[in-house]
Structures are given as C-alpha cells and as structure tokens.
C-alpha atoms as a PDB file:
ATOM      1  CA  MET A   1      -2.583  29.853  22.370  1.00  0.00           C
ATOM      2  CA  LEU A   2      -4.866  28.396  24.243  1.00  0.00           C
ATOM      3  CA  LYS A   3      -5.466  30.764  26.492  1.00  0.00           C
ATOM      4  CA  MET A   4      -5.536  33.597  23.789  1.00  0.00           C
ATOM      5  CA  LEU A   5      -8.757  31.457  22.519  1.00  0.00           C
ATOM      6  CA  LYS A   6     -10.276  31.243  25.828  1.00  0.00           C
ATOM      7  CA  TYR A   7     -10.125  35.164  25.566  1.00  0.00           C
ATOM      8  CA  GLU A   8     -11.214  35.147  22.618  1.00  0.00           C
ATOM      9  CA  PHE A   9     -14.491  32.608  23.652  1.00  0.00           C
ATOM     10  CA  ARG A  10     -15.164  34.348  27.000  1.00  0.00           C
ATOM     11  CA  ARG A  11     -15.425  38.090  25.330  1.00  0.00           C
ATOM     12  CA  GLY A  12     -18.302  36.288  22.994  1.00  0.00           C
ATOM     13  CA  ILE A  13     -20.009  34.794  25.867  1.00  0.00           C
ATOM     14  CA  PHE A  14     -23.007  37.750  25.722  1.00  0.00           C
ATOM     15  CA  PRO A  15     -23.442  37.893  22.332  1.00  0.00           C
ATOM     16  CA  LEU A  16     -23.995  34.457  22.190  1.00  0.00           C
ATOM     17  CA  LEU A  17     -26.575  33.989  24.961  1.00  0.00           C
ATOM     18  CA  ILE A  18     -28.330  36.963  23.962  1.00  0.00           C
ATOM     19  CA  VAL A  19     -28.702  34.517  20.086  1.00  0.00           C
ATOM     20  CA  GLY A  20     -29.591  31.429  22.600  1.00  0.00           C
ATOM     21  CA  ILE A  21     -32.491  33.439  24.237  1.00  0.00           C
ATOM     22  CA  VAL A  22     -34.139  34.787  21.003  1.00  0.00           C
ATOM     23  CA  ILE A  23     -33.506  30.752  19.835  1.00  0.00           C
ATOM     24  CA  ALA A  24     -34.899  29.793  23.053  1.00  0.00           C
ATOM     25  CA  ALA A  25     -37.857  31.782  22.519  1.00  0.00           C
ATOM     26  CA  ILE A  26     -38.794  30.603  19.510  1.00  0.00           C
ATOM     27  CA  GLU A  27     -38.274  26.906  20.478  1.00  0.00           C
ATOM     28  CA  LEU A  28     -40.999  27.394  22.919  1.00  0.00           C
ATOM     29  CA  TYR A  29     -43.469  29.117  20.840  1.00  0.00           C
ATOM     30  CA  PHE A  30     -43.312  26.243  18.032  1.00  0.00           C
ATOM     31  CA  LEU A  31     -43.635  23.864  21.332  1.00  0.00           C
ATOM     32  CA  ILE A  32     -46.775  25.559  22.341  1.00  0.00           C
ATOM     33  CA  SER A  33     -48.094  25.345  18.584  1.00  0.00           C
ATOM     34  CA  THR A  34     -47.610  21.594  18.379  1.00  0.00           C
ATOM     35  CA  LEU A  35     -48.868  20.951  21.493  1.00  0.00           C
ATOM     36  CA  THR A  36     -51.944  22.906  20.870  1.00  0.00           C
ATOM     37  CA  ALA A  37     -51.700  21.360  17.450  1.00  0.00           C
ATOM     38  CA  HIS A  38     -51.565  24.752  16.089  1.00  0.00           C
ATOM     39  CA  ALA A  39     -49.976  23.816  12.862  1.00  0.00           C
ATOM     40  CA  ASP A  40     -50.057  26.994  11.077  1.00  0.00           C
ATOM     41  CA  HIS A  41     -48.420  28.455  13.961  1.00  0.00           C
ATOM     42  CA  SER A  42     -45.404  25.210  14.083  1.00  0.00           C
ATOM     43  CA  VAL A  43     -44.748  26.173  10.760  1.00  0.00           C
ATOM     44  CA  ILE A  44     -44.198  30.101  11.291  1.00  0.00           C
ATOM     45  CA  ALA A  45     -42.014  28.255  13.977  1.00  0.00           C
ATOM     46  CA  VAL A  46     -40.228  26.578  12.179  1.00  0.00           C
ATOM     47  CA  SER A  47     -39.522  28.938   9.903  1.00  0.00           C
ATOM     48  CA  LEU A  48     -38.560  31.496  12.457  1.00  0.00           C
ATOM     49  CA  LEU A  49     -35.990  28.862  13.563  1.00  0.00           C
ATOM     50  CA  ILE A  50     -34.703  28.540   9.968  1.00  0.00           C
ATOM     51  CA  LEU A  51     -34.483  32.505   9.560  1.00  0.00           C
ATOM     52  CA  ALA A  52     -32.799  32.586  13.155  1.00  0.00           C
ATOM     53  CA  ALA A  53     -29.686  30.050  11.499  1.00  0.00           C
ATOM     54  CA  PHE A  54     -29.629  32.844   8.690  1.00  0.00           C
ATOM     55  CA  CYS A  55     -29.697  35.501  11.351  1.00  0.00           C
ATOM     56  CA  CYS A  56     -27.095  33.617  13.570  1.00  0.00           C
ATOM     57  CA  TYR A  57     -24.284  33.303  10.000  1.00  0.00           C
ATOM     58  CA  LEU A  58     -24.474  37.009   9.609  1.00  0.00           C
ATOM     59  CA  PHE A  59     -23.864  37.777  13.199  1.00  0.00           C
ATOM     60  CA  VAL A  60     -20.876  35.517  13.255  1.00  0.00           C
ATOM     61  CA  LEU A  61     -20.144  36.871  10.843  1.00  0.00           C
ATOM     62  CA  ILE A  62     -19.984  40.759  11.267  1.00  0.00           C
ATOM     63  CA  TYR A  63     -18.816  39.764  15.426  1.00  0.00           C
ATOM     64  CA  GLY A  64     -15.328  38.213  13.943  1.00  0.00           C
ATOM     65  CA  ILE A  65     -14.998  41.111  11.610  1.00  0.00           C
ATOM     66  CA  ILE A  66     -15.935  43.973  14.103  1.00  0.00           C
ATOM     67  CA  SER A  67     -13.589  42.139  16.790  1.00  0.00           C
ATOM     68  CA  TYR A  68     -10.365  42.251  14.652  1.00  0.00           C
ATOM     69  CA  SER A  69     -10.855  45.800  13.551  1.00  0.00           C
ATOM     70  CA  GLN A  70     -12.219  47.038  17.318  1.00  0.00           C
ATOM     71  CA  ASP A  71      -8.955  45.051  19.123  1.00  0.00           C
ATOM     72  CA  LEU A  72      -6.884  47.522  16.523  1.00  0.00           C
ATOM     73  CA  LYS A  73      -8.887  50.480  17.426  1.00  0.00           C
ATOM     74  CA  ASN A  74      -9.108  50.503  21.007  1.00  0.00           C
ATOM     75  CA  LYS A  75      -6.365  49.908  23.946  1.00  0.00           C
ATOM     76  CA  SER A  76      -7.621  45.854  24.256  1.00  0.00           C
ATOM     77  CA  GLY A  77      -5.389  45.910  21.371  1.00  0.00           C
ATOM     78  CA  TYR A  78      -2.565  45.977  23.308  1.00  0.00           C
ATOM     79  CA  LEU A  79      -3.236  43.085  25.238  1.00  0.00           C
ATOM     80  CA  VAL A  80      -4.258  40.722  22.766  1.00  0.00           C
ATOM     81  CA  PHE A  81      -1.726  41.783  20.281  1.00  0.00           C
ATOM     82  CA  MET A  82       1.210  42.344  22.282  1.00  0.00           C
ATOM     83  CA  ALA A  83       0.419  38.920  24.100  1.00  0.00           C
ATOM     84  CA  PRO A  84       3.596  36.584  24.208  1.00  0.00           C
ATOM     85  CA  ILE A  85       2.894  34.620  21.219  1.00  0.00           C
ATOM     86  CA  SER A  86       3.286  35.239  17.329  1.00  0.00           C
ATOM     87  CA  SER A  87       0.645  37.414  14.991  1.00  0.00           C
ATOM     88  CA  TYR A  88      -0.987  34.347  13.181  1.00  0.00           C
ATOM     89  CA  LYS A  89      -1.583  32.050  16.531  1.00  0.00           C
ATOM     90  CA  VAL A  90      -3.469  35.619  17.600  1.00  0.00           C
ATOM     91  CA  ILE A  91      -5.049  35.943  14.384  1.00  0.00           C
ATOM     92  CA  GLY A  92      -5.976  31.847  14.665  1.00  0.00           C
ATOM     93  CA  ALA A  93      -7.067  31.884  17.788  1.00  0.00           C
ATOM     94  CA  LYS A  94      -9.358  34.963  16.404  1.00  0.00           C
ATOM     95  CA  LEU A  95     -10.748  31.934  13.875  1.00  0.00           C
ATOM     96  CA  LEU A  96     -10.671  28.695  15.622  1.00  0.00           C
ATOM     97  CA  SER A  97     -12.828  30.721  18.066  1.00  0.00           C
ATOM     98  CA  ILE A  98     -14.936  32.222  15.346  1.00  0.00           C
ATOM     99  CA  LEU A  99     -15.692  28.178  14.060  1.00  0.00           C
ATOM    100  CA  LEU A 100     -16.557  27.130  17.540  1.00  0.00           C
ATOM    101  CA  THR A 101     -19.165  29.297  18.430  1.00  0.00           C
ATOM    102  CA  GLY A 102     -20.579  28.972  14.845  1.00  0.00           C
ATOM    103  CA  ALA A 103     -20.357  25.132  15.263  1.00  0.00           C
ATOM    104  CA  ILE A 104     -22.432  25.678  18.502  1.00  0.00           C
ATOM    105  CA  ILE A 105     -24.615  27.259  16.740  1.00  0.00           C
ATOM    106  CA  VAL A 106     -24.983  25.732  14.276  1.00  0.00           C
ATOM    107  CA  ALA A 107     -24.901  21.838  16.043  1.00  0.00           C
ATOM    108  CA  VAL A 108     -28.222  23.385  18.228  1.00  0.00           C
ATOM    109  CA  ILE A 109     -30.294  24.676  15.485  1.00  0.00           C
ATOM    110  CA  PHE A 110     -29.473  21.430  14.043  1.00  0.00           C
ATOM    111  CA  GLY A 111     -30.734  19.554  17.147  1.00  0.00           C
ATOM    112  CA  LEU A 112     -33.415  21.136  17.585  1.00  0.00           C
ATOM    113  CA  LEU A 113     -34.739  21.462  13.849  1.00  0.00           C
ATOM    114  CA  THR A 114     -34.568  17.386  13.683  1.00  0.00           C
ATOM    115  CA  LEU A 115     -36.018  17.337  17.525  1.00  0.00           C
ATOM    116  CA  ASP A 116     -39.013  19.856  15.994  1.00  0.00           C
ATOM    117  CA  LEU A 117     -39.524  17.504  12.992  1.00  0.00           C
ATOM    118  CA  SER A 118     -39.629  14.589  14.899  1.00  0.00           C
ATOM    119  CA  LEU A 119     -42.961  15.696  16.672  1.00  0.00           C
ATOM    120  CA  ALA A 120     -44.262  17.467  14.068  1.00  0.00           C
ATOM    121  CA  TYR A 121     -44.051  13.586  12.628  1.00  0.00           C
ATOM    122  CA  SER A 122     -45.474  12.434  15.658  1.00  0.00           C
ATOM    123  CA  THR A 123     -48.476  14.811  16.545  1.00  0.00           C
ATOM    124  CA  TYR A 124     -49.299  15.808  12.458  1.00  0.00           C
ATOM    125  CA  ASP A 125     -50.410  13.105   9.790  1.00  0.00           C
ATOM    126  CA  SER A 126     -49.586  15.281   6.690  1.00  0.00           C
ATOM    127  CA  ILE A 127     -45.934  15.421   7.243  1.00  0.00           C
ATOM    128  CA  ASP A 128     -45.684  11.340   5.974  1.00  0.00           C
ATOM    129  CA  THR A 129     -48.329  12.718   2.938  1.00  0.00           C
ATOM    130  CA  PHE A 130     -45.586  15.853   2.265  1.00  0.00           C
ATOM    131  CA  TYR A 131     -42.762  13.926   2.228  1.00  0.00           C
ATOM    132  CA  ASP A 132     -44.089  11.946  -0.131  1.00  0.00           C
ATOM    133  CA  PHE A 133     -45.495  14.792  -2.248  1.00  0.00           C
ATOM    134  CA  LEU A 134     -42.296  16.118  -2.771  1.00  0.00           C
ATOM    135  CA  SER A 135     -40.142  13.437  -3.606  1.00  0.00           C
ATOM    136  CA  ASN A 136     -42.887  13.383  -6.488  1.00  0.00           C
ATOM    137  CA  ILE A 137     -42.077  16.579  -7.192  1.00  0.00           C
ATOM    138  CA  LEU A 138     -38.228  16.200  -6.878  1.00  0.00           C
ATOM    139  CA  GLU A 139     -38.697  12.863  -9.263  1.00  0.00           C
ATOM    140  CA  MET A 140     -40.618  14.644 -12.197  1.00  0.00           C
ATOM    141  CA  GLY A 141     -37.806  17.143 -12.392  1.00  0.00           C
ATOM    142  CA  GLY A 142     -35.276  14.247 -12.932  1.00  0.00           C
ATOM    143  CA  TYR A 143     -33.845  15.250  -9.259  1.00  0.00           C
ATOM    144  CA  SER A 144     -34.080  12.680  -6.399  1.00  0.00           C
ATOM    145  CA  LEU A 145     -34.585  13.534  -2.770  1.00  0.00           C
ATOM    146  CA  GLY A 146     -30.906  11.568  -2.189  1.00  0.00           C
ATOM    147  CA  GLY A 147     -29.443  13.712  -4.766  1.00  0.00           C
ATOM    148  CA  VAL A 148     -30.694  16.918  -4.076  1.00  0.00           C
ATOM    149  CA  ILE A 149     -29.002  16.499  -0.484  1.00  0.00           C
ATOM    150  CA  LEU A 150     -25.929  15.238  -1.125  1.00  0.00           C
ATOM    151  CA  ARG A 151     -25.171  18.356  -3.545  1.00  0.00           C
ATOM    152  CA  LEU A 152     -26.374  20.708  -0.567  1.00  0.00           C
ATOM    153  CA  LEU A 153     -23.692  18.759   1.358  1.00  0.00           C
ATOM    154  CA  ALA A 154     -21.188  19.625  -1.372  1.00  0.00           C
ATOM    155  CA  PHE A 155     -22.431  23.212  -1.225  1.00  0.00           C
ATOM    156  CA  ILE A 156     -22.089  23.261   2.799  1.00  0.00           C
ATOM    157  CA  LEU A 157     -18.712  22.433   2.449  1.00  0.00           C
ATOM    158  CA  VAL A 158     -18.043  25.390  -0.092  1.00  0.00           C
ATOM    159  CA  PHE A 159     -20.070  27.691   1.293  1.00  0.00           C
ATOM    160  CA  LEU A 160     -17.717  27.351   4.944  1.00  0.00           C
ATOM    161  CA  ILE A 161     -14.712  27.903   3.115  1.00  0.00           C
ATOM    162  CA  GLN A 162     -15.878  30.397   1.123  1.00  0.00           C
ATOM    163  CA  PHE A 163     -17.225  31.924   4.796  1.00  0.00           C
ATOM    164  CA  PHE A 164     -13.430  31.443   6.534  1.00  0.00           C
ATOM    165  CA  MET A 165     -12.069  33.213   3.190  1.00  0.00           C
ATOM    166  CA  THR A 166     -14.266  35.733   3.767  1.00  0.00           C
ATOM    167  CA  ILE A 167     -13.672  36.859   7.025  1.00  0.00           C
ATOM    168  CA  THR A 168     -10.006  36.539   6.204  1.00  0.00           C
ATOM    169  CA  LEU A 169     -10.041  39.049   3.154  1.00  0.00           C
ATOM    170  CA  ALA A 170     -11.582  41.317   5.989  1.00  0.00           C
ATOM    171  CA  TYR A 171      -8.890  41.302   8.217  1.00  0.00           C
ATOM    172  CA  LEU A 172      -6.388  41.863   5.296  1.00  0.00           C
ATOM    173  CA  ALA A 173      -8.577  45.105   4.434  1.00  0.00           C
ATOM    174  CA  VAL A 174      -8.167  45.559   7.664  1.00  0.00           C
ATOM    175  CA  SER A 175      -4.940  45.299   8.221  1.00  0.00           C
ATOM    176  CA  VAL A 176      -4.140  47.066   5.108  1.00  0.00           C
ATOM    177  CA  CYS A 177      -5.981  50.162   5.936  1.00  0.00           C
ATOM    178  CA  SER A 178      -4.469  49.783   9.549  1.00  0.00           C
ATOM    179  CA  THR A 179      -0.846  49.766   8.292  1.00  0.00           C
ATOM    180  CA  ILE A 180      -1.436  52.725   5.444  1.00  0.00           C
ATOM    181  CA  LEU A 181      -4.037  55.579   7.500  1.00  0.00           C
ATOM    182  CA  GLN A 182      -2.279  54.184  11.226  1.00  0.00           C
ATOM    183  CA  THR A 183      -4.736  56.647  13.274  1.00  0.00           C
ATOM    184  CA  LYS A 184      -7.151  58.506  10.648  1.00  0.00           C
ATOM    185  CA  LYS A 185     -10.360  57.747  11.601  1.00  0.00           C
ATOM    186  CA  ILE A 186     -11.540  57.314   8.533  1.00  0.00           C
ATOM    187  CA  LYS A 187     -10.036  53.931   8.199  1.00  0.00           C
ATOM    188  CA  GLY A 188     -13.361  51.905   9.222  1.00  0.00           C
ATOM    189  CA  PHE A 189     -15.010  52.955   6.301  1.00  0.00           C
ATOM    190  CA  ILE A 190     -11.625  52.471   3.712  1.00  0.00           C
ATOM    191  CA  SER A 191     -11.265  49.072   5.329  1.00  0.00           C
ATOM    192  CA  PHE A 192     -14.834  48.475   4.459  1.00  0.00           C
ATOM    193  CA  VAL A 193     -14.995  49.643   1.225  1.00  0.00           C
ATOM    194  CA  LEU A 194     -11.395  48.085   0.782  1.00  0.00           C
ATOM    195  CA  PHE A 195     -13.082  44.820   1.511  1.00  0.00           C
ATOM    196  CA  ILE A 196     -16.076  45.468  -1.024  1.00  0.00           C
ATOM    197  CA  VAL A 197     -12.976  45.431  -4.155  1.00  0.00           C
ATOM    198  CA  PHE A 198     -11.417  43.194  -2.925  1.00  0.00           C
ATOM    199  CA  TYR A 199     -15.120  40.362  -2.340  1.00  0.00           C
ATOM    200  CA  VAL A 200     -16.223  41.741  -5.859  1.00  0.00           C
ATOM    201  CA  ILE A 201     -12.714  41.388  -7.881  1.00  0.00           C
ATOM    202  CA  LEU A 202     -12.992  37.872  -6.471  1.00  0.00           C
ATOM    203  CA  SER A 203     -16.245  36.796  -7.086  1.00  0.00           C
ATOM    204  CA  VAL A 204     -15.324  37.864 -11.155  1.00  0.00           C
ATOM    205  CA  ILE A 205     -12.696  35.566 -11.054  1.00  0.00           C
ATOM    206  CA  ALA A 206     -14.291  32.519  -9.667  1.00  0.00           C
ATOM    207  CA  SER A 207     -17.507  33.426 -12.015  1.00  0.00           C
ATOM    208  CA  LYS A 208     -14.761  33.531 -15.195  1.00  0.00           C
ATOM    209  CA  ILE A 209     -13.248  30.251 -13.763  1.00  0.00           C
ATOM    210  CA  PRO A 210     -15.859  27.023 -15.860  1.00  0.00           C
ATOM    211  CA  HIS A 211     -16.204  23.937 -13.959  1.00  0.00           C
ATOM    212  CA  LEU A 212     -14.505  20.566 -14.393  1.00  0.00           C
ATOM    213  CA  SER A 213     -18.042  19.104 -15.494  1.00  0.00           C
ATOM    214  CA  ASN A 214     -21.669  19.470 -15.539  1.00  0.00           C
ATOM    215  CA  PRO A 215     -22.654  17.176 -12.908  1.00  0.00           C
ATOM    216  CA  GLY A 216     -26.455  15.674 -13.350  1.00  0.00           C
ATOM    217  CA  PRO A 217     -29.247  15.883 -10.704  1.00  0.00           C
ATOM    218  CA  ASN A 218     -28.581  12.818  -9.433  1.00  0.00           C
ATOM    219  CA  ALA A 219     -25.074  13.170  -8.680  1.00  0.00           C
ATOM    220  CA  THR A 220     -23.249  12.047  -6.199  1.00  0.00           C
ATOM    221  CA  PHE A 221     -21.320  13.997  -3.229  1.00  0.00           C
ATOM    222  CA  MET A 222     -17.959  13.183  -4.613  1.00  0.00           C
ATOM    223  CA  GLU A 223     -19.129  14.287  -8.812  1.00  0.00           C
ATOM    224  CA  ALA A 224     -20.570  17.803  -6.960  1.00  0.00           C
ATOM    225  CA  MET A 225     -17.304  18.463  -5.564  1.00  0.00           C
ATOM    226  CA  TYR A 226     -15.555  17.633  -7.900  1.00  0.00           C
ATOM    227  CA  ALA A 227     -17.450  19.971 -10.613  1.00  0.00           C
ATOM    228  CA  MET A 228     -16.112  22.414  -8.310  1.00  0.00           C
ATOM    229  CA  ILE A 229     -12.803  21.831  -7.708  1.00  0.00           C
ATOM    230  CA  PRO A 230     -10.999  24.823  -9.120  1.00  0.00           C
ATOM    231  CA  GLN A 231     -13.738  27.754  -6.629  1.00  0.00           C
ATOM    232  CA  ILE A 232     -13.112  25.798  -4.151  1.00  0.00           C
ATOM    233  CA  ALA A 233      -8.677  25.886  -4.778  1.00  0.00           C
ATOM    234  CA  LEU A 234      -8.995  29.786  -5.615  1.00  0.00           C
ATOM    235  CA  TYR A 235     -11.357  30.389  -1.797  1.00  0.00           C
ATOM    236  CA  PHE A 236      -8.717  28.396   0.192  1.00  0.00           C
ATOM    237  CA  VAL A 237      -5.564  29.625  -1.841  1.00  0.00           C
ATOM    238  CA  VAL A 238      -7.820  33.140  -0.738  1.00  0.00           C
ATOM    239  CA  MET A 239      -8.106  32.260   2.422  1.00  0.00           C
ATOM    240  CA  VAL A 240      -4.940  30.712   3.165  1.00  0.00           C
ATOM    241  CA  ALA A 241      -3.419  34.286   1.553  1.00  0.00           C
ATOM    242  CA  SER A 242      -5.506  36.676   3.532  1.00  0.00           C
ATOM    243  CA  TYR A 243      -4.341  35.183   6.721  1.00  0.00           C
ATOM    244  CA  ILE A 244      -0.868  35.254   5.988  1.00  0.00           C
ATOM    245  CA  GLY A 245      -0.536  38.547   5.039  1.00  0.00           C
ATOM    246  CA  SER A 246      -3.140  40.427   7.436  1.00  0.00           C
ATOM    247  CA  SER A 247      -0.787  37.850  10.277  1.00  0.00           C
ATOM    248  CA  VAL A 248       2.589  39.746   8.714  1.00  0.00           C
ATOM    249  CA  LEU A 249       1.138  43.120   8.523  1.00  0.00           C
ATOM    250  CA  LEU A 250       0.542  43.168  11.970  1.00  0.00           C
ATOM    251  CA  GLU A 251       3.437  42.185  13.358  1.00  0.00           C
ATOM    252  CA  LYS A 252       5.512  43.791  11.193  1.00  0.00           C
ATOM    253  CA  LYS A 253       3.485  47.176  10.258  1.00  0.00           C
ATOM    254  CA  ILE A 254       0.535  48.470  12.013  1.00  0.00           C
ATOM    255  CA  SER A 255       1.433  50.131  15.135  1.00  0.00           C
ATOM    256  CA  LEU A 256      -1.284  49.975  17.878  1.00  0.00           C
END
C-alpha cells in the first residue's frame, strides 16, 4: 500500500505545484502591501488567501474524484487496479493521498495566515481596535469569541468527515456505473447524476435527524459535538459503506 500511496502522491505533484505557485503569488502580494503600509491591499491579499483556501478544497475534492474515474477509463487503470494488493488498499491509498495533500495545503495556508496576521499586528495599530470591536459585537449578541472558536472547531471536524463521505460516495457512484455500463461513453455523465441523487437523498435524511440538544451560544466544544452526534454518525456510516461498496465492486464486478 505504501508504494501505491507514493504513486498517487507523485501523480498529483504537478497540480500541487500550481496551487503552490498561486499561494506564493498571493503571499508575495501581501508582504509587499504590508511592508509598504498599504492596508487596503493587505486586506485584499488576506481575503485572496482565504478564497484560495476554499478553491483548494474544491481542487482536492474534484481532483480526487476525477483521478479515480480516469483510472477506470484509461489504460492506467490496469497498472493501478491490477497491482498485487487488494482493492481496499488501492482505494485506501487514494483516500490517504487526498488526506495528505489536503493536510499539506491546510498547514501551508494556516501557517501563512498566522504569520500574515502577526506581521499585520506589528504594522497596523488598528488590529487591536478591530479585535476589541469584534469581541464587543459578539458579547452584545450573547456570544463569546472563545465559544465561537470552539464551535468552529466542531464544525471543521464534521466538515472533514463529510468531505471524505462525499469522495467515497462519488467513488461508489462511479463504481456502480462502471459495473453496469462498462465501456459505454455515457457512464461519466450517469455517474455524476447518480452521485447527485445519492447526495440529495443523504442531505434530506440528515436534515430530518434531530440534534441531541440545542447548545447555547457559549457552548463548549464537547457540547457542540454532542449535539451533532447523529449527523456525524450518519456521515461516518455512509463513508465506510461507500468505501466498502466501491472496493467490492472494483474487485469483483468491474471489468477494466
């Protein structure tokens, strides 16, 4: 599995380099703006970096799905899926490479944002004022800044589970269509439609499941997590079931 992981990671190096160049350009823009004391451009640069983080999420998600679909379509699938390891390890390597790629991007962007805010803090006197203003606004609404951060952490954890649930669900849709339609050219479009159907059904089910509690604005991390346990459990079960289903179809039903 380690060799498969290295292969998956190497094949994604070029797109990752492009992402790195874009992030480096934005960071250079921020540094020039801040060192020359152009606050408006510094704000724009930080906004672009945050936007880049969202675009990177879409990139990792779409690239992870497309690479699996392309492997089933192209001759490279013979090399990948006919390797002397189980289909569980093949798909596991793909998911793990996506996790590592995403972790690298997140670590880089988070590190840059931390350094940028530190530099802005030492350059612009208004940072303290803005922090106090934000805290006062939250307190007026019955929120504390610490409570908001803890709830954000809970959201991020659920988001990661839902992220990999989305990828494995897409893998399942692609695997089902590859099993039924085999070499039909329309299977790519049908896979997309089937994935949308799967996702809509899952979203409806998740929305109907009540939270275990209604945490207040100053809820702790554990209280916020406790409220979302049913949704987290649903996403986790679907993620595991989709992973197993894709692996079984790949090993026993799909003809490359």
